[in-house]
């Protein structure tokens, strides 16, 4: 599998982390963990399917924040372009409340004019280079852009959650925000695509996984991540990865 990353143009840097091209010459299955960002996917060659049921994904997909890890089956000689949004960045391109996409991956033409989507799909398939494909998608996003400014309150909340590595209680966060819990959570879900609690949970487990070293104690790692109940930790970890902690750290690397 070959992976190439491209940085977005300056105008998109508040909304897009990077563009990613994934090319697979040989058939393979990969596992993908939940992330804090939404992803737009364009398949311009071959086939990519849900590894759990072998159902092919549409050519263009908008994927919301996922609750658990997924298997992706790449057919021989397949290639996709991924738009990796920043946390909350997708809200600049869609008017729909993004929590409606939680745990879903839907055909992009359910959100955008099918004619416009088909035109881009044809252009991506015929393009001569990956850089030109990225440029095409940037033009597409510029067309979709709602010219909305980032919500500074939500951005601050995201920064605090990430700084605390997900181990931050919402009631503590709200002590420094000029808003009550219900309207804050509604605003957060609309922009980020999931609840503050779920978002923090993703950060917490991704941090634990990235920082865990094999010789270390899982119990210690769980405690440092804010888990004081071992059964709770194992339950959350299994829901997140599909495996127990012991099985996960013995298996091939997720990404």
C-alpha atoms as a PDB file:
ATOM      1  CA  UNK A   1       0.000   0.000   0.000  1.00  0.00           C
ATOM      2  CA  UNK A   2       1.282   3.445  -0.964  1.00  0.00           C
ATOM      3  CA  UNK A   3       0.162   6.560   0.922  1.00  0.00           C
ATOM      4  CA  UNK A   4       0.833  10.129  -0.196  1.00  0.00           C
ATOM      5  CA  UNK A   5      -0.101  13.247   1.793  1.00  0.00           C
ATOM      6  CA  UNK A   6      -0.703  16.729   0.394  1.00  0.00           C
ATOM      7  CA  UNK A   7      -1.145  19.903   2.434  1.00  0.00           C
ATOM      8  CA  UNK A   8      -4.186  22.035   1.622  1.00  0.00           C
ATOM      9  CA  UNK A   9      -4.028  25.487   0.074  1.00  0.00           C
ATOM     10  CA  UNK A  10      -3.782  28.335   2.585  1.00  0.00           C
ATOM     11  CA  UNK A  11      -7.496  29.162   2.316  1.00  0.00           C
ATOM     12  CA  UNK A  12      -8.407  25.673   3.595  1.00  0.00           C
ATOM     13  CA  UNK A  13      -5.915  25.257   6.446  1.00  0.00           C
ATOM     14  CA  UNK A  14      -8.458  25.995   9.181  1.00  0.00           C
ATOM     15  CA  UNK A  15     -10.760  23.321   7.803  1.00  0.00           C
ATOM     16  CA  UNK A  16      -8.620  20.562   6.286  1.00  0.00           C
ATOM     17  CA  UNK A  17      -5.692  18.705   7.873  1.00  0.00           C
ATOM     18  CA  UNK A  18      -4.468  17.169   4.644  1.00  0.00           C
ATOM     19  CA  UNK A  19      -5.393  15.316   1.481  1.00  0.00           C
ATOM     20  CA  UNK A  20      -4.358  11.680   1.396  1.00  0.00           C
ATOM     21  CA  UNK A  21      -3.975   9.376  -1.611  1.00  0.00           C
ATOM     22  CA  UNK A  22      -4.088   5.645  -0.830  1.00  0.00           C
ATOM     23  CA  UNK A  23      -3.072   3.259  -3.607  1.00  0.00           C
ATOM     24  CA  UNK A  24      -3.055  -0.518  -3.290  1.00  0.00           C
ATOM     25  CA  UNK A  25      -1.495  -2.679  -5.999  1.00  0.00           C
ATOM     26  CA  UNK A  26      -2.440  -5.871  -4.189  1.00  0.00           C
ATOM     27  CA  UNK A  27      -5.711  -6.846  -2.531  1.00  0.00           C
ATOM     28  CA  UNK A  28      -5.593  -6.311   1.213  1.00  0.00           C
ATOM     29  CA  UNK A  29      -7.725  -5.695   4.293  1.00  0.00           C
ATOM     30  CA  UNK A  30      -6.910  -2.914   6.739  1.00  0.00           C
ATOM     31  CA  UNK A  31      -8.430  -1.893  10.062  1.00  0.00           C
ATOM     32  CA  UNK A  32      -9.153   1.767  10.756  1.00  0.00           C
ATOM     33  CA  UNK A  33      -9.730   3.143  14.242  1.00  0.00           C
ATOM     34  CA  UNK A  34     -12.275   5.875  15.023  1.00  0.00           C
ATOM     35  CA  UNK A  35     -10.939   9.400  14.672  1.00  0.00           C
ATOM     36  CA  UNK A  36     -12.006  12.843  15.819  1.00  0.00           C
ATOM     37  CA  UNK A  37     -12.370  14.124  12.243  1.00  0.00           C
ATOM     38  CA  UNK A  38     -14.829  13.547   9.445  1.00  0.00           C
ATOM     39  CA  UNK A  39     -13.552  12.304   6.086  1.00  0.00           C
ATOM     40  CA  UNK A  40     -14.647  12.789   2.474  1.00  0.00           C
ATOM     41  CA  UNK A  41     -13.539   9.942   0.202  1.00  0.00           C
ATOM     42  CA  UNK A  42     -13.262   9.723  -3.594  1.00  0.00           C
ATOM     43  CA  UNK A  43     -12.467   6.326  -5.136  1.00  0.00           C
ATOM     44  CA  UNK A  44     -11.014   6.891  -8.602  1.00  0.00           C
ATOM     45  CA  UNK A  45      -9.746   3.392  -9.330  1.00  0.00           C
ATOM     46  CA  UNK A  46     -10.663  -0.175  -8.376  1.00  0.00           C
ATOM     47  CA  UNK A  47     -12.939  -1.200  -5.519  1.00  0.00           C
ATOM     48  CA  UNK A  48     -13.037  -0.619  -1.776  1.00  0.00           C
ATOM     49  CA  UNK A  49     -15.539  -2.524   0.345  1.00  0.00           C
ATOM     50  CA  UNK A  50     -16.647  -2.868   3.931  1.00  0.00           C
ATOM     51  CA  UNK A  51     -14.486  -5.721   5.185  1.00  0.00           C
ATOM     52  CA  UNK A  52     -17.260  -6.949   7.481  1.00  0.00           C
ATOM     53  CA  UNK A  53     -19.895  -7.524   4.792  1.00  0.00           C
ATOM     54  CA  UNK A  54     -18.028  -7.102   1.468  1.00  0.00           C
ATOM     55  CA  UNK A  55     -20.416  -4.330   0.440  1.00  0.00           C
ATOM     56  CA  UNK A  56     -18.719  -1.923  -1.959  1.00  0.00           C
ATOM     57  CA  UNK A  57     -18.602   1.741  -1.026  1.00  0.00           C
ATOM     58  CA  UNK A  58     -19.918   4.308  -3.555  1.00  0.00           C
ATOM     59  CA  UNK A  59     -17.374   6.207  -5.630  1.00  0.00           C
ATOM     60  CA  UNK A  60     -17.778   9.289  -3.420  1.00  0.00           C
ATOM     61  CA  UNK A  61     -18.501   9.038   0.285  1.00  0.00           C
ATOM     62  CA  UNK A  62     -18.920  11.347   3.258  1.00  0.00           C
ATOM     63  CA  UNK A  63     -17.967   9.535   6.446  1.00  0.00           C
ATOM     64  CA  UNK A  64     -19.045  10.827   9.834  1.00  0.00           C
ATOM     65  CA  UNK A  65     -17.220  10.213  13.092  1.00  0.00           C
ATOM     66  CA  UNK A  66     -17.324   6.484  13.808  1.00  0.00           C
ATOM     67  CA  UNK A  67     -18.044   4.769  17.104  1.00  0.00           C
ATOM     68  CA  UNK A  68     -15.810   1.735  16.557  1.00  0.00           C
ATOM     69  CA  UNK A  69     -13.042   0.422  14.321  1.00  0.00           C
ATOM     70  CA  UNK A  70     -13.828  -0.828  10.815  1.00  0.00           C
ATOM     71  CA  UNK A  71     -12.316  -3.235   8.294  1.00  0.00           C
ATOM     72  CA  UNK A  72     -11.713  -1.867   4.807  1.00  0.00           C
ATOM     73  CA  UNK A  73     -11.077  -4.310   1.956  1.00  0.00           C
ATOM     74  CA  UNK A  74      -9.017  -2.856  -0.890  1.00  0.00           C
ATOM     75  CA  UNK A  75      -9.244  -4.706  -4.200  1.00  0.00           C
ATOM     76  CA  UNK A  76      -6.197  -5.158  -6.407  1.00  0.00           C
ATOM     77  CA  UNK A  77      -5.123  -1.954  -8.180  1.00  0.00           C
ATOM     78  CA  UNK A  78      -7.411   0.388  -6.234  1.00  0.00           C
ATOM     79  CA  UNK A  79      -6.906   4.047  -5.350  1.00  0.00           C
ATOM     80  CA  UNK A  80      -8.761   6.627  -3.258  1.00  0.00           C
ATOM     81  CA  UNK A  81      -8.386  10.295  -2.362  1.00  0.00           C
ATOM     82  CA  UNK A  82      -9.298  11.267   1.193  1.00  0.00           C
ATOM     83  CA  UNK A  83     -10.077  14.755   2.481  1.00  0.00           C
ATOM     84  CA  UNK A  84      -9.113  14.718   6.174  1.00  0.00           C
ATOM     85  CA  UNK A  85     -11.052  17.554   7.801  1.00  0.00           C
ATOM     86  CA  UNK A  86      -9.948  19.276  10.971  1.00  0.00           C
ATOM     87  CA  UNK A  87     -12.209  18.763  13.983  1.00  0.00           C
ATOM     88  CA  UNK A  88     -15.334  20.727  13.135  1.00  0.00           C
ATOM     89  CA  UNK A  89     -13.872  21.736   9.756  1.00  0.00           C
ATOM     90  CA  UNK A  90     -16.497  19.933   7.667  1.00  0.00           C
ATOM     91  CA  UNK A  91     -19.154  22.330   8.988  1.00  0.00           C
ATOM     92  CA  UNK A  92     -17.752  25.005   6.655  1.00  0.00           C
ATOM     93  CA  UNK A  93     -18.969  22.991   3.648  1.00  0.00           C
ATOM     94  CA  UNK A  94     -22.289  21.484   4.749  1.00  0.00           C
ATOM     95  CA  UNK A  95     -25.408  23.127   6.156  1.00  0.00           C
ATOM     96  CA  UNK A  96     -26.715  19.857   7.620  1.00  0.00           C
ATOM     97  CA  UNK A  97     -26.188  19.209  11.362  1.00  0.00           C
ATOM     98  CA  UNK A  98     -23.156  16.943  11.233  1.00  0.00           C
ATOM     99  CA  UNK A  99     -24.286  14.733  14.101  1.00  0.00           C
ATOM    100  CA  UNK A 100     -26.717  13.242  11.548  1.00  0.00           C
ATOM    101  CA  UNK A 101     -23.694  11.542   9.965  1.00  0.00           C
ATOM    102  CA  UNK A 102     -22.459  10.000  13.213  1.00  0.00           C
ATOM    103  CA  UNK A 103     -21.487   6.357  12.651  1.00  0.00           C
ATOM    104  CA  UNK A 104     -22.489   6.593   8.971  1.00  0.00           C
ATOM    105  CA  UNK A 105     -20.715   6.592   5.612  1.00  0.00           C
ATOM    106  CA  UNK A 106     -23.118   7.800   2.937  1.00  0.00           C
ATOM    107  CA  UNK A 107     -22.919   8.506  -0.768  1.00  0.00           C
ATOM    108  CA  UNK A 108     -21.868  12.118  -1.272  1.00  0.00           C
ATOM    109  CA  UNK A 109     -24.682  12.673  -3.767  1.00  0.00           C
ATOM    110  CA  UNK A 110     -27.131  12.501  -0.859  1.00  0.00           C
ATOM    111  CA  UNK A 111     -25.683  15.795   0.369  1.00  0.00           C
ATOM    112  CA  UNK A 112     -24.617  17.487  -2.870  1.00  0.00           C
ATOM    113  CA  UNK A 113     -26.040  17.721  -6.388  1.00  0.00           C
ATOM    114  CA  UNK A 114     -25.537  14.264  -8.020  1.00  0.00           C
ATOM    115  CA  UNK A 115     -24.684  15.920 -11.348  1.00  0.00           C
ATOM    116  CA  UNK A 116     -21.898  17.928  -9.754  1.00  0.00           C
ATOM    117  CA  UNK A 117     -20.551  14.847  -7.927  1.00  0.00           C
ATOM    118  CA  UNK A 118     -20.587  12.686 -11.106  1.00  0.00           C
ATOM    119  CA  UNK A 119     -18.683  15.366 -13.008  1.00  0.00           C
ATOM    120  CA  UNK A 120     -15.932  15.421 -10.378  1.00  0.00           C
ATOM    121  CA  UNK A 121     -15.749  11.605 -10.287  1.00  0.00           C
ATOM    122  CA  UNK A 122     -15.156  11.518 -14.049  1.00  0.00           C
ATOM    123  CA  UNK A 123     -12.460  14.181 -13.803  1.00  0.00           C
ATOM    124  CA  UNK A 124     -10.646  12.315 -11.012  1.00  0.00           C
ATOM    125  CA  UNK A 125     -10.669   9.052 -12.961  1.00  0.00           C
ATOM    126  CA  UNK A 126      -9.195  10.750 -16.039  1.00  0.00           C
ATOM    127  CA  UNK A 127      -6.606  12.907 -14.235  1.00  0.00           C
ATOM    128  CA  UNK A 128      -2.942  12.275 -15.081  1.00  0.00           C
ATOM    129  CA  UNK A 129      -1.474  12.936 -11.634  1.00  0.00           C
ATOM    130  CA  UNK A 130      -2.423  12.863  -7.977  1.00  0.00           C
ATOM    131  CA  UNK A 131      -1.514  16.518  -7.552  1.00  0.00           C
ATOM    132  CA  UNK A 132      -4.026  17.450 -10.239  1.00  0.00           C
ATOM    133  CA  UNK A 133      -6.638  15.352  -8.424  1.00  0.00           C
ATOM    134  CA  UNK A 134      -6.018  17.288  -5.208  1.00  0.00           C
ATOM    135  CA  UNK A 135      -6.409  20.561  -7.140  1.00  0.00           C
ATOM    136  CA  UNK A 136      -9.720  19.340  -8.598  1.00  0.00           C
ATOM    137  CA  UNK A 137     -11.051  18.478  -5.147  1.00  0.00           C
ATOM    138  CA  UNK A 138      -9.946  21.868  -3.780  1.00  0.00           C
ATOM    139  CA  UNK A 139     -11.960  23.572  -6.529  1.00  0.00           C
ATOM    140  CA  UNK A 140     -14.901  21.353  -5.615  1.00  0.00           C
ATOM    141  CA  UNK A 141     -14.610  22.348  -1.940  1.00  0.00           C
ATOM    142  CA  UNK A 142     -14.319  26.014  -2.829  1.00  0.00           C
ATOM    143  CA  UNK A 143     -17.657  25.675  -4.617  1.00  0.00           C
ATOM    144  CA  UNK A 144     -19.176  24.047  -1.512  1.00  0.00           C
ATOM    145  CA  UNK A 145     -17.682  26.536   0.937  1.00  0.00           C
ATOM    146  CA  UNK A 146     -20.266  28.409   2.995  1.00  0.00           C
ATOM    147  CA  UNK A 147     -17.717  31.126   3.897  1.00  0.00           C
ATOM    148  CA  UNK A 148     -18.626  30.616   7.543  1.00  0.00           C
ATOM    149  CA  UNK A 149     -16.149  31.554  10.245  1.00  0.00           C
ATOM    150  CA  UNK A 150     -15.029  28.881  12.740  1.00  0.00           C
ATOM    151  CA  UNK A 151     -17.013  28.846  15.991  1.00  0.00           C
ATOM    152  CA  UNK A 152     -14.462  30.149  18.500  1.00  0.00           C
ATOM    153  CA  UNK A 153     -16.245  28.671  21.504  1.00  0.00           C
ATOM    154  CA  UNK A 154     -16.233  25.188  19.978  1.00  0.00           C
ATOM    155  CA  UNK A 155     -12.620  25.603  18.876  1.00  0.00           C
ATOM    156  CA  UNK A 156     -11.636  26.512  22.443  1.00  0.00           C
ATOM    157  CA  UNK A 157     -13.487  23.461  23.774  1.00  0.00           C
ATOM    158  CA  UNK A 158     -11.736  21.208  21.237  1.00  0.00           C
ATOM    159  CA  UNK A 159      -8.341  22.599  22.226  1.00  0.00           C
ATOM    160  CA  UNK A 160      -8.996  22.010  25.917  1.00  0.00           C
ATOM    161  CA  UNK A 161     -10.176  18.440  25.314  1.00  0.00           C
ATOM    162  CA  UNK A 162      -7.114  17.610  23.242  1.00  0.00           C
ATOM    163  CA  UNK A 163      -4.770  19.274  25.717  1.00  0.00           C
ATOM    164  CA  UNK A 164      -6.303  17.158  28.491  1.00  0.00           C
ATOM    165  CA  UNK A 165      -5.946  14.061  26.263  1.00  0.00           C
ATOM    166  CA  UNK A 166      -9.673  13.462  26.564  1.00  0.00           C
ATOM    167  CA  UNK A 167      -9.596  13.310  30.332  1.00  0.00           C
ATOM    168  CA  UNK A 168     -11.717  16.420  30.892  1.00  0.00           C
ATOM    169  CA  UNK A 169     -15.186  16.566  32.410  1.00  0.00           C
ATOM    170  CA  UNK A 170     -17.680  18.676  30.482  1.00  0.00           C
ATOM    171  CA  UNK A 171     -18.927  20.309  33.689  1.00  0.00           C
ATOM    172  CA  UNK A 172     -15.375  21.533  34.376  1.00  0.00           C
ATOM    173  CA  UNK A 173     -15.044  22.883  30.834  1.00  0.00           C
ATOM    174  CA  UNK A 174     -18.322  24.771  31.170  1.00  0.00           C
ATOM    175  CA  UNK A 175     -17.055  26.700  34.194  1.00  0.00           C
ATOM    176  CA  UNK A 176     -15.025  28.900  31.826  1.00  0.00           C
ATOM    177  CA  UNK A 177     -17.569  29.119  28.993  1.00  0.00           C
ATOM    178  CA  UNK A 178     -20.454  31.646  28.870  1.00  0.00           C
ATOM    179  CA  UNK A 179     -23.036  29.003  27.990  1.00  0.00           C
ATOM    180  CA  UNK A 180     -25.061  26.320  29.765  1.00  0.00           C
ATOM    181  CA  UNK A 181     -24.685  22.607  29.105  1.00  0.00           C
ATOM    182  CA  UNK A 182     -27.621  21.856  26.779  1.00  0.00           C
ATOM    183  CA  UNK A 183     -27.034  24.656  24.225  1.00  0.00           C
ATOM    184  CA  UNK A 184     -23.282  23.983  24.318  1.00  0.00           C
ATOM    185  CA  UNK A 185     -23.705  20.285  23.594  1.00  0.00           C
ATOM    186  CA  UNK A 186     -26.185  21.020  20.783  1.00  0.00           C
ATOM    187  CA  UNK A 187     -23.758  23.507  19.224  1.00  0.00           C
ATOM    188  CA  UNK A 188     -20.864  21.085  19.607  1.00  0.00           C
ATOM    189  CA  UNK A 189     -22.731  18.162  18.003  1.00  0.00           C
ATOM    190  CA  UNK A 190     -23.901  20.306  15.103  1.00  0.00           C
ATOM    191  CA  UNK A 191     -20.367  21.438  14.241  1.00  0.00           C
ATOM    192  CA  UNK A 192     -18.146  18.519  15.290  1.00  0.00           C
ATOM    193  CA  UNK A 193     -20.438  15.609  14.429  1.00  0.00           C
ATOM    194  CA  UNK A 194     -20.654  13.905  17.800  1.00  0.00           C
ATOM    195  CA  UNK A 195     -21.207  14.731  21.468  1.00  0.00           C
ATOM    196  CA  UNK A 196     -18.466  16.239  23.658  1.00  0.00           C
ATOM    197  CA  UNK A 197     -18.427  13.032  25.737  1.00  0.00           C
ATOM    198  CA  UNK A 198     -17.904  10.758  22.710  1.00  0.00           C
ATOM    199  CA  UNK A 199     -15.309  13.138  21.275  1.00  0.00           C
ATOM    200  CA  UNK A 200     -13.322  13.091  24.520  1.00  0.00           C
ATOM    201  CA  UNK A 201     -13.591   9.301  24.635  1.00  0.00           C
ATOM    202  CA  UNK A 202     -12.040   8.991  21.182  1.00  0.00           C
ATOM    203  CA  UNK A 203      -9.152  11.267  22.158  1.00  0.00           C
ATOM    204  CA  UNK A 204      -8.592   9.351  25.381  1.00  0.00           C
ATOM    205  CA  UNK A 205      -8.350   5.937  23.721  1.00  0.00           C
ATOM    206  CA  UNK A 206      -6.325   7.147  20.728  1.00  0.00           C
ATOM    207  CA  UNK A 207      -3.850   8.745  23.150  1.00  0.00           C
ATOM    208  CA  UNK A 208      -3.623   5.576  25.233  1.00  0.00           C
ATOM    209  CA  UNK A 209      -2.990   3.438  22.133  1.00  0.00           C
ATOM    210  CA  UNK A 210      -0.388   5.786  20.651  1.00  0.00           C
ATOM    211  CA  UNK A 211       1.537   6.096  23.933  1.00  0.00           C
ATOM    212  CA  UNK A 212       1.315   2.492  25.111  1.00  0.00           C
ATOM    213  CA  UNK A 213       4.567   0.542  25.026  1.00  0.00           C
ATOM    214  CA  UNK A 214       4.451  -3.256  25.089  1.00  0.00           C
ATOM    215  CA  UNK A 215       6.531  -3.706  28.265  1.00  0.00           C
ATOM    216  CA  UNK A 216       4.218  -1.328  30.110  1.00  0.00           C
ATOM    217  CA  UNK A 217       1.286  -2.323  32.256  1.00  0.00           C
ATOM    218  CA  UNK A 218      -2.148  -1.999  30.681  1.00  0.00           C
ATOM    219  CA  UNK A 219      -3.603  -1.257  34.105  1.00  0.00           C
ATOM    220  CA  UNK A 220      -1.151   1.643  34.545  1.00  0.00           C
ATOM    221  CA  UNK A 221      -1.897   2.956  31.042  1.00  0.00           C
ATOM    222  CA  UNK A 222      -5.636   2.825  31.729  1.00  0.00           C
ATOM    223  CA  UNK A 223      -5.195   4.633  35.050  1.00  0.00           C
ATOM    224  CA  UNK A 224      -3.112   7.384  33.432  1.00  0.00           C
ATOM    225  CA  UNK A 225      -5.857   7.800  30.820  1.00  0.00           C
ATOM    226  CA  UNK A 226      -8.403   8.417  33.566  1.00  0.00           C
ATOM    227  CA  UNK A 227      -9.916   4.953  33.880  1.00  0.00           C
ATOM    228  CA  UNK A 228     -10.321   3.905  37.492  1.00  0.00           C
ATOM    229  CA  UNK A 229     -12.471   0.848  36.737  1.00  0.00           C
ATOM    230  CA  UNK A 230     -10.728  -1.947  34.810  1.00  0.00           C
ATOM    231  CA  UNK A 231     -14.000  -3.435  33.564  1.00  0.00           C
ATOM    232  CA  UNK A 232     -15.076  -0.018  32.241  1.00  0.00           C
ATOM    233  CA  UNK A 233     -11.742   0.380  30.453  1.00  0.00           C
ATOM    234  CA  UNK A 234     -11.921  -3.047  28.792  1.00  0.00           C
ATOM    235  CA  UNK A 235     -15.536  -2.451  27.733  1.00  0.00           C
ATOM    236  CA  UNK A 236     -14.704   0.938  26.160  1.00  0.00           C
ATOM    237  CA  UNK A 237     -11.551  -0.395  24.509  1.00  0.00           C
ATOM    238  CA  UNK A 238     -13.368  -3.347  22.948  1.00  0.00           C
ATOM    239  CA  UNK A 239     -16.146  -1.100  21.638  1.00  0.00           C
ATOM    240  CA  UNK A 240     -13.489   1.229  20.165  1.00  0.00           C
ATOM    241  CA  UNK A 241     -11.246  -1.361  18.497  1.00  0.00           C
ATOM    242  CA  UNK A 242     -13.367  -4.511  18.273  1.00  0.00           C
ATOM    243  CA  UNK A 243     -10.771  -6.360  20.347  1.00  0.00           C
ATOM    244  CA  UNK A 244      -9.728  -6.719  23.962  1.00  0.00           C
ATOM    245  CA  UNK A 245      -6.631  -4.665  24.893  1.00  0.00           C
ATOM    246  CA  UNK A 246      -4.494  -7.827  25.090  1.00  0.00           C
ATOM    247  CA  UNK A 247      -5.575  -9.029  21.642  1.00  0.00           C
ATOM    248  CA  UNK A 248      -5.276  -5.581  20.071  1.00  0.00           C
ATOM    249  CA  UNK A 249      -1.666  -4.996  21.083  1.00  0.00           C
ATOM    250  CA  UNK A 250      -0.688  -8.414  19.716  1.00  0.00           C
ATOM    251  CA  UNK A 251      -2.375  -7.784  16.358  1.00  0.00           C
ATOM    252  CA  UNK A 252      -1.040  -5.941  13.253  1.00  0.00           C
ATOM    253  CA  UNK A 253      -0.878  -2.190  13.661  1.00  0.00           C
ATOM    254  CA  UNK A 254      -4.023  -0.177  13.112  1.00  0.00           C
ATOM    255  CA  UNK A 255      -3.850   3.232  11.433  1.00  0.00           C
END
